[in-house]
Protein backbone atom coordinates (compact mmCIF):
# COMPACT_ATOMS: atom_id res chain seq x y z
CA UNK A 1 33.11 14.98 223.71
CA UNK A 2 33.08 12.03 221.36
CA UNK A 3 36.81 11.55 221.90
CA UNK A 4 36.32 11.33 225.70
CA UNK A 5 33.50 8.83 225.26
CA UNK A 6 35.64 6.70 222.93
CA UNK A 7 38.55 6.78 225.40
CA UNK A 8 36.31 5.64 228.26
CA UNK A 9 34.93 2.85 226.08
CA UNK A 10 38.39 1.65 225.17
CA UNK A 11 39.50 1.66 228.82
CA UNK A 12 36.36 -0.28 229.87
CA UNK A 13 36.89 -2.91 227.19
CA UNK A 14 40.52 -3.29 228.26
CA UNK A 15 39.57 -3.72 231.93
CA UNK A 16 36.87 -6.24 231.04
CA UNK A 17 39.30 -8.22 228.96
CA UNK A 18 41.83 -8.25 231.80
CA UNK A 19 39.20 -9.45 234.26
CA UNK A 20 38.17 -12.25 231.92
CA UNK A 21 41.78 -13.32 231.50
CA UNK A 22 42.39 -13.37 235.26
CA UNK A 23 39.16 -15.33 235.81
CA UNK A 24 40.13 -17.92 233.20
CA UNK A 25 43.58 -18.29 234.76
CA UNK A 26 42.05 -18.78 238.25
CA UNK A 27 39.58 -21.35 236.93
CA UNK A 28 42.37 -23.27 235.21
CA UNK A 29 44.45 -23.31 238.40
CA UNK A 30 41.45 -24.47 240.47
CA UNK A 31 40.63 -27.22 237.99
CA UNK A 32 44.23 -28.38 237.99
CA UNK A 33 44.27 -28.48 241.80
CA UNK A 34 41.02 -30.46 241.91
CA UNK A 35 42.40 -32.89 239.34
CA UNK A 36 45.55 -33.42 241.41
CA UNK A 37 43.43 -34.07 244.54
CA UNK A 38 41.21 -36.50 242.61
CA UNK A 39 44.20 -38.44 241.34
CA UNK A 40 45.74 -38.51 244.83
CA UNK A 41 42.47 -39.83 246.29
CA UNK A 42 42.22 -42.54 243.64
CA UNK A 43 45.81 -43.60 244.29
CA UNK A 44 45.16 -43.71 248.05
CA UNK A 45 42.02 -45.80 247.59
CA UNK A 46 43.83 -48.13 245.21
CA UNK A 47 46.64 -48.61 247.71
CA UNK A 48 44.27 -49.33 250.62
CA UNK A 49 43.88 -52.98 251.60
CA UNK A 50 40.36 -54.28 251.19
CA UNK A 51 39.05 -55.70 254.50
CA UNK A 52 37.21 -58.99 253.92
CA UNK A 53 33.83 -59.29 255.64
CA UNK A 54 31.31 -62.05 256.29
CA UNK A 55 27.63 -62.13 257.14
CA UNK A 56 26.87 -62.24 260.88
CA UNK A 57 23.42 -62.22 262.43
CA UNK A 58 22.73 -59.58 265.09
CA UNK A 59 19.64 -58.63 267.11
CA UNK A 60 17.05 -56.13 265.97
CA UNK A 61 15.94 -55.51 269.57
CA UNK A 62 16.95 -56.19 273.16
CA UNK A 63 16.15 -59.59 274.65
CA UNK A 64 15.90 -60.61 278.30
CA UNK A 65 16.61 -63.99 279.81
CA UNK A 66 13.98 -66.55 278.79
CA UNK A 67 12.50 -64.54 275.90
CA UNK A 68 11.82 -66.33 272.61
CA UNK A 69 14.16 -65.68 269.65
CA UNK A 70 12.49 -65.50 266.22
CA UNK A 71 13.69 -64.78 262.69
CA UNK A 72 12.10 -61.32 262.91
CA UNK A 73 14.42 -60.53 265.83
CA UNK A 74 17.65 -60.86 263.81
CA UNK A 75 19.24 -59.38 260.71
CA UNK A 76 22.43 -59.97 258.75
CA UNK A 77 25.27 -57.43 258.79
CA UNK A 78 28.76 -57.32 257.29
CA UNK A 79 31.35 -58.08 259.97
CA UNK A 80 35.17 -57.87 259.57
CA UNK A 81 36.37 -61.42 259.09
CA UNK A 82 39.32 -61.08 261.47
CA UNK A 83 37.15 -59.70 264.32
CA UNK A 84 34.26 -62.16 264.47
CA UNK A 85 33.37 -63.30 268.02
CA UNK A 86 33.49 -67.04 268.62
CA UNK A 87 30.14 -68.79 268.27
CA UNK A 88 28.40 -66.38 265.88
CA UNK A 89 25.84 -67.43 263.26
CA UNK A 90 26.47 -66.62 259.58
CA UNK A 91 23.74 -68.87 258.13
CA UNK A 92 20.07 -68.40 258.94
CA UNK A 93 19.48 -72.11 258.32
CA UNK A 94 21.87 -72.93 261.16
CA UNK A 95 20.31 -70.41 263.55
CA UNK A 96 16.78 -71.56 262.70
CA UNK A 97 16.93 -75.12 261.28
CA UNK A 98 13.94 -76.27 259.25
CA UNK A 99 13.71 -79.58 261.11
CA UNK A 100 14.01 -77.97 264.56
CA UNK A 101 11.80 -79.53 267.25
CA UNK A 102 11.20 -76.21 268.95
CA UNK A 103 12.27 -72.61 269.28
CA UNK A 104 15.33 -70.93 270.72
CA UNK A 105 15.33 -68.82 273.91
CA UNK A 106 17.74 -66.27 275.32
CA UNK A 107 20.00 -67.58 278.08
CA UNK A 108 21.38 -64.11 278.89
CA UNK A 109 20.26 -60.54 278.46
CA UNK A 110 21.32 -59.20 275.05
CA UNK A 111 21.20 -55.69 273.60
CA UNK A 112 20.11 -54.41 270.18
CA UNK A 113 22.78 -54.83 267.44
CA UNK A 114 24.62 -57.43 269.54
CA UNK A 115 25.84 -60.52 267.70
CA UNK A 116 23.85 -63.68 268.45
CA UNK A 117 26.22 -66.19 270.08
CA UNK A 118 25.72 -69.91 270.69
CA UNK A 119 26.39 -69.53 274.42
CA UNK A 120 23.65 -66.91 274.75
CA UNK A 121 20.77 -68.87 273.22
CA UNK A 122 19.36 -72.32 273.78
CA UNK A 123 19.45 -75.09 271.24
CA UNK A 124 16.26 -75.45 269.15
CA UNK A 125 13.58 -76.95 271.38
CA UNK A 126 15.59 -76.58 274.59
CA UNK A 127 14.02 -74.73 277.49
CA UNK A 128 15.84 -71.82 279.11
CA UNK A 129 15.98 -73.54 282.50
CA UNK A 130 18.73 -74.43 284.94
CA UNK A 131 19.65 -77.59 283.04
CA UNK A 132 20.86 -75.43 280.14
CA UNK A 133 23.17 -73.55 282.54
CA UNK A 134 24.92 -76.66 283.87
CA UNK A 135 28.17 -77.81 282.30
CA UNK A 136 28.91 -81.49 281.84
CA UNK A 137 29.47 -83.23 285.18
CA UNK A 138 28.00 -80.36 287.22
CA UNK A 139 24.91 -80.39 289.42
CA UNK A 140 22.62 -77.68 290.84
CA UNK A 141 22.44 -77.26 294.63
CA UNK A 142 20.41 -74.76 296.66
CA UNK A 143 21.88 -72.93 299.66
CA UNK A 144 19.70 -71.11 302.18
CA UNK A 145 20.81 -67.51 302.76
CA UNK A 146 19.59 -64.34 304.43
CA UNK A 147 20.55 -60.66 304.33
CA UNK A 148 23.79 -61.35 306.24
CA UNK A 149 24.94 -64.60 304.65
CA UNK A 150 23.77 -63.58 301.16
CA UNK A 151 25.97 -60.46 300.78
CA UNK A 152 23.05 -58.08 301.47
CA UNK A 153 21.19 -58.97 298.29
CA UNK A 154 23.96 -58.07 295.83
CA UNK A 155 24.32 -61.59 294.44
CA UNK A 156 23.49 -62.15 290.76
CA UNK A 157 23.40 -65.29 288.60
CA UNK A 158 26.82 -65.68 287.04
CA UNK A 159 28.69 -64.40 290.12
CA UNK A 160 31.30 -66.52 291.88
CA UNK A 161 31.36 -66.91 295.66
CA UNK A 162 33.46 -68.46 298.41
CA UNK A 163 31.53 -70.56 300.93
CA UNK A 164 32.38 -70.43 304.66
CA UNK A 165 31.09 -72.86 307.30
CA UNK A 166 30.60 -71.91 310.96
CA UNK A 167 29.84 -74.60 313.52
CA UNK A 168 30.91 -76.35 316.71
CA UNK A 169 33.47 -79.13 316.88
CA UNK A 170 34.59 -81.47 319.65
CA UNK A 171 37.27 -83.73 318.27
CA UNK A 172 41.02 -84.15 318.29
CA UNK A 173 41.41 -82.41 321.61
CA UNK A 174 39.66 -79.31 320.27
CA UNK A 175 36.30 -77.97 321.34
CA UNK A 176 34.39 -74.82 320.44
CA UNK A 177 33.03 -72.97 317.43
CA UNK A 178 35.11 -72.39 314.29
CA UNK A 179 34.68 -70.79 310.86
CA UNK A 180 36.33 -72.50 307.91
CA UNK A 181 36.50 -71.84 304.15
CA UNK A 182 35.12 -75.03 302.60
CA UNK A 183 34.58 -74.14 298.89
CA UNK A 184 36.07 -71.47 296.61
CA UNK A 185 34.87 -69.86 293.36
CA UNK A 186 31.50 -71.59 293.25
CA UNK A 187 29.33 -70.24 290.40
CA UNK A 188 25.82 -69.00 291.10
CA UNK A 189 23.32 -70.01 288.43
CA UNK A 190 20.13 -68.74 290.10
CA UNK A 191 18.97 -66.41 292.87
CA UNK A 192 15.64 -67.54 294.32
CA UNK A 193 13.68 -68.54 291.18
CA UNK A 194 15.53 -66.15 288.85
CA UNK A 195 18.25 -67.54 286.60
CA UNK A 196 18.72 -64.47 284.39
CA UNK A 197 21.55 -62.03 285.04
CA UNK A 198 19.43 -58.95 284.26
CA UNK A 199 18.17 -58.42 287.84
CA UNK A 200 17.58 -54.77 288.68
CA UNK A 201 18.06 -53.45 292.21
CA UNK A 202 18.94 -55.42 295.31
CA UNK A 203 17.02 -58.59 296.12
CA UNK A 204 17.12 -60.16 299.57
CA UNK A 205 17.22 -63.78 298.47
CA UNK A 206 16.15 -66.74 300.56
CA UNK A 207 18.05 -69.29 298.50
CA UNK A 208 20.79 -69.27 295.90
CA UNK A 209 21.53 -72.12 293.53
CA UNK A 210 25.11 -73.04 292.72
CA UNK A 211 26.71 -75.25 290.08
CA UNK A 212 29.05 -77.77 291.70
CA UNK A 213 30.44 -81.26 291.33
CA UNK A 214 28.80 -84.15 293.23
CA UNK A 215 31.71 -84.19 295.71
CA UNK A 216 31.33 -80.45 296.37
CA UNK A 217 27.58 -80.87 296.82
CA UNK A 218 28.14 -83.62 299.40
CA UNK A 219 30.43 -81.28 301.36
CA UNK A 220 27.94 -78.38 301.09
CA UNK A 221 25.02 -80.56 302.21
CA UNK A 222 26.96 -81.84 305.22
CA UNK A 223 28.05 -78.32 306.12
CA UNK A 224 24.54 -76.89 305.75
CA UNK A 225 23.08 -79.58 308.03
CA UNK A 226 25.71 -79.23 310.76
CA UNK A 227 26.27 -75.47 310.90
CA UNK A 228 25.74 -72.13 309.18
CA UNK A 229 26.91 -71.20 305.68
CA UNK A 230 28.02 -67.71 304.66
CA UNK A 231 28.89 -66.49 301.15
CA UNK A 232 31.64 -64.06 300.13
CA UNK A 233 31.41 -62.46 296.69
CA UNK A 234 34.50 -62.95 294.48
CA UNK A 235 35.61 -60.08 292.23
CA UNK A 236 35.33 -60.41 288.46
CA UNK A 237 39.08 -60.02 287.88
CA UNK A 238 40.13 -61.91 291.01
CA UNK A 239 42.28 -64.86 289.94
CA UNK A 240 43.76 -65.61 293.36
CA UNK A 241 43.26 -69.14 294.68
CA UNK A 242 42.14 -69.02 298.30
CA UNK A 243 44.05 -71.34 300.60
CA UNK A 244 42.70 -73.25 303.59
CA UNK A 245 41.38 -70.71 306.09
CA UNK A 246 40.18 -71.51 309.60
CA UNK A 247 39.43 -69.16 312.47
CA UNK A 248 38.33 -70.10 316.01
CA UNK A 249 37.70 -67.94 319.06
CA UNK A 250 41.31 -68.11 320.28
CA UNK A 251 42.67 -67.03 316.89
CA UNK A 252 40.02 -64.32 316.57
CA UNK A 253 40.95 -62.80 319.95
CA UNK A 254 44.68 -63.43 319.59
CA UNK A 255 44.85 -65.81 322.55
CA UNK A 256 47.94 -67.98 322.37
CA UNK A 257 47.89 -71.58 323.50
CA UNK A 258 49.67 -71.92 326.88
CA UNK A 259 51.63 -75.13 327.38
CA UNK A 260 50.67 -77.01 330.58
CA UNK A 261 53.14 -76.83 333.48
CA UNK A 262 55.32 -79.94 333.79
CA UNK A 263 54.22 -82.38 336.47
CA UNK A 264 56.48 -82.36 339.58
CA UNK A 265 58.93 -85.26 339.73
CA UNK A 266 58.77 -86.99 343.15
CA UNK A 267 62.05 -87.08 345.01
CA UNK A 268 63.70 -90.50 345.01
CA UNK A 269 64.33 -92.06 348.43
CA UNK A 270 66.59 -95.08 348.91
CA UNK A 271 66.51 -97.20 352.11
CA UNK A 272 67.90 -100.41 353.52
CA UNK A 273 66.16 -102.73 355.89
CA UNK A 274 67.94 -103.79 359.10
CA UNK A 275 66.58 -106.46 361.47
CA UNK A 276 66.93 -105.66 365.14
CA UNK A 277 65.59 -108.55 367.07
CA UNK A 278 62.08 -109.09 365.93
CA UNK A 279 61.82 -105.56 364.42
CA UNK A 280 62.80 -104.36 360.91
CA UNK A 281 64.19 -100.86 360.79
CA UNK A 282 64.40 -98.85 357.51
CA UNK A 283 67.45 -96.66 357.21
CA UNK A 284 67.76 -93.95 354.45
CA UNK A 285 70.93 -94.08 352.40
CA UNK A 286 72.20 -92.15 349.34
CA UNK A 287 70.87 -93.46 346.00
CA UNK A 288 73.62 -94.76 343.80
CA UNK A 289 71.69 -95.28 340.56
């Protein structure tokens, strides 16, 4: 009995020793594999190019047109140097100067985490009015519209429109009503009293304000006082330059101009006068020239 017990003990010790050996071998292999992966990761990180970044100020919250911009509304984030939008602010002293005569306001709707750009905020102390939306040499001009001429209320500040004039003419041998394209790609800077682009829903405007040169404004004023103006919305990606377009009733209905019939030429009659006594007689003869 003791011999059987001793044999079982020897077999158990041998099996335990084998299990320990196999476990140690597995652990060594696993550690070696982890070490190889660690070295490969370090080599990959060392070979990666470091992307340079700079500080850029972004918004902490959404802003609508005309809302005040404060230092609590912005924060600095790291931005890839080769992907910085033009007009960003990297210095808080530039965004909010100490000697500023007033505060900045949003000129366009901006979302949270969006970079603050110079074109989207006013200068310190400048009001967010129409004057801030006008480029150098441009003027603001209001055009009266309704649901038909104002593209059914789908116009928004920042859109571009073509302007058509419809009126009667009586000059140059022409008479009747015509429609003519008088201005192309005119920018809208306000709809009624709203200059922000974040208008929700459709608004049936009574007036729209456009940015135009003094010469364009003179043409628009003359056209508005002598006829009716209609607006056509231009697509965002439309780069086509509209040519001179004019439509009258004949062109609309496809009526071609008929040339007047030539006037009849009177037949030439040649005569000679012959005196017979006290009477003069006319006699018809062939015309020679």
